[in-house]
Amino acid sequence: QVQVVESGGGLVQTGGSLRLSCAASGSISSIFIMGWYRQAPGKQREFVGSITTTGVINYVGSVKGRFTISRDNAKNTMYLQMNSLKPEDTGVYYCYVNTGTNIYWGQGTQVTVSS
């Protein structure tokens, strides 16, 4: 079984920064893609970004230039550096891990950006 745990969320003022972490553990033979979704209050879950084992990165347009995804393959850990945060970035951020045979989700971490 694979466990996925996010951390690093919190409350920050507009223009501030946070770094989220996502750590995968358990019976992992390989991880193809790790990525992030977020869900604002009353809204559907939205894709934020992802990174493949080979380093191919995708972002939703609204975070380009502000967010940076990185990955430490040796630690099975992914990071989301969020800079210049805006109130519209507020939401629960969920990490997912795609092993190629299954997709696992974390429990989410709350990010709140005050105006």
Protein backbone atom coordinates (compact mmCIF):
# COMPACT_ATOMS: atom_id res chain seq x y z
CA GLN A 1 0.00 0.00 0.00
CA VAL A 2 1.09 3.58 -0.65
CA GLN A 3 0.61 6.47 1.74
CA VAL A 4 0.62 10.10 0.61
CA VAL A 5 1.01 12.91 3.13
CA GLU A 6 0.94 16.66 2.45
CA SER A 7 2.32 19.30 4.75
CA GLY A 8 3.22 22.98 4.77
CA GLY A 9 -0.15 24.65 4.48
CA GLY A 10 -1.09 27.61 6.59
CA LEU A 11 -2.38 31.15 6.72
CA VAL A 12 -0.40 33.82 4.88
CA GLN A 13 -1.01 37.39 3.79
CA THR A 14 -1.30 38.49 0.18
CA GLY A 15 2.12 38.50 -1.48
CA GLY A 16 3.55 35.97 0.93
CA SER A 17 5.00 32.54 0.30
CA LEU A 18 4.44 28.97 1.37
CA ARG A 19 6.13 25.71 0.49
CA LEU A 20 4.03 22.57 0.38
CA SER A 21 5.51 19.11 0.62
CA CYS A 22 4.11 15.78 -0.47
CA ALA A 23 5.77 12.61 0.73
CA ALA A 24 4.93 9.17 -0.62
CA SER A 25 5.80 6.06 1.33
CA GLY A 26 5.02 2.37 1.47
CA SER A 27 5.26 -0.24 -1.26
CA ILE A 28 6.50 1.95 -4.09
CA SER A 29 8.33 0.48 -7.05
CA SER A 30 8.11 3.59 -9.21
CA ILE A 31 6.30 6.90 -9.44
CA PHE A 32 5.41 8.19 -12.88
CA ILE A 33 3.76 11.49 -12.00
CA MET A 34 3.27 13.52 -8.86
CA GLY A 35 1.04 16.56 -8.86
CA TRP A 36 -1.31 18.92 -7.09
CA TYR A 37 -4.96 19.80 -7.24
CA ARG A 38 -6.70 22.44 -5.16
CA GLN A 39 -10.28 23.05 -4.15
CA ALA A 40 -11.61 26.44 -3.19
CA PRO A 41 -14.72 26.72 -1.00
CA GLY A 42 -17.81 25.84 -3.01
CA LYS A 43 -15.79 25.08 -6.14
CA GLN A 44 -14.74 21.96 -8.02
CA ARG A 45 -11.25 20.61 -7.65
CA GLU A 46 -8.78 22.32 -10.00
CA PHE A 47 -5.53 21.04 -11.44
CA VAL A 48 -2.55 23.08 -10.24
CA GLY A 49 0.56 21.38 -11.57
CA SER A 50 2.44 18.15 -11.99
CA ILE A 51 5.91 16.78 -12.53
CA THR A 52 7.00 13.51 -14.13
CA THR A 53 9.90 11.29 -13.19
CA THR A 54 11.90 12.80 -16.03
CA GLY A 55 11.17 16.35 -14.93
CA VAL A 56 8.42 17.39 -17.33
CA ILE A 57 6.31 20.02 -15.58
CA ASN A 58 2.84 21.39 -16.26
CA TYR A 59 1.05 24.26 -14.53
CA VAL A 60 -2.36 25.77 -14.72
CA GLY A 61 -2.05 29.19 -16.32
CA SER A 62 -3.07 31.13 -13.23
CA VAL A 63 0.00 30.00 -11.25
CA LYS A 64 2.68 30.23 -13.93
CA GLY A 65 5.52 32.48 -12.84
CA ARG A 66 4.48 32.27 -9.19
CA PHE A 67 4.50 28.56 -8.31
CA THR A 68 7.36 26.12 -8.79
CA ILE A 69 7.13 22.35 -8.62
CA SER A 70 10.17 20.26 -7.81
CA ARG A 71 10.77 16.63 -6.96
CA ASP A 72 13.30 14.64 -4.98
CA ASN A 73 13.05 11.20 -6.52
CA ALA A 74 15.33 9.62 -3.91
CA LYS A 75 12.94 10.70 -1.16
CA ASN A 76 9.72 10.21 -3.15
CA THR A 77 8.89 13.76 -2.20
CA MET A 78 7.45 16.63 -4.22
CA TYR A 79 7.45 20.31 -3.34
CA LEU A 80 5.27 23.20 -4.39
CA GLN A 81 6.90 26.57 -3.78
CA MET A 82 4.18 29.21 -3.86
CA ASN A 83 5.23 32.84 -4.13
CA SER A 84 3.27 36.07 -4.59
CA LEU A 85 0.21 34.40 -3.13
CA LYS A 86 -3.22 35.84 -3.86
CA PRO A 87 -6.56 35.35 -2.12
CA GLU A 88 -7.75 33.28 -5.08
CA ASP A 89 -5.06 30.73 -4.23
CA THR A 90 -6.99 29.88 -1.08
CA GLY A 91 -8.17 26.30 -0.86
CA VAL A 92 -7.35 22.78 0.17
CA TYR A 93 -4.36 21.49 -1.75
CA TYR A 94 -4.30 17.78 -2.55
CA CYS A 95 -1.29 15.79 -3.66
CA TYR A 96 -1.62 12.82 -5.98
CA VAL A 97 0.85 10.10 -6.87
CA ASN A 98 0.56 8.15 -10.10
CA THR A 99 2.56 4.93 -9.97
CA GLY A 100 1.53 3.84 -13.44
CA THR A 101 -0.81 1.18 -12.07
CA ASN A 102 -2.72 3.23 -9.52
CA ILE A 103 -3.33 6.78 -8.32
CA TYR A 104 -3.11 7.70 -4.65
CA TRP A 105 -4.32 10.88 -2.99
CA GLY A 106 -3.28 12.68 0.14
CA GLN A 107 -5.70 14.04 2.70
CA GLY A 108 -5.12 17.67 1.76
CA THR A 109 -3.54 20.68 3.41
CA GLN A 110 -5.28 24.01 3.89
CA VAL A 111 -3.86 27.16 2.31
CA THR A 112 -5.47 30.45 3.27
CA VAL A 113 -4.36 33.78 1.80
CA SER A 114 -5.76 36.84 3.51
CA SER A 115 -6.64 39.95 1.53
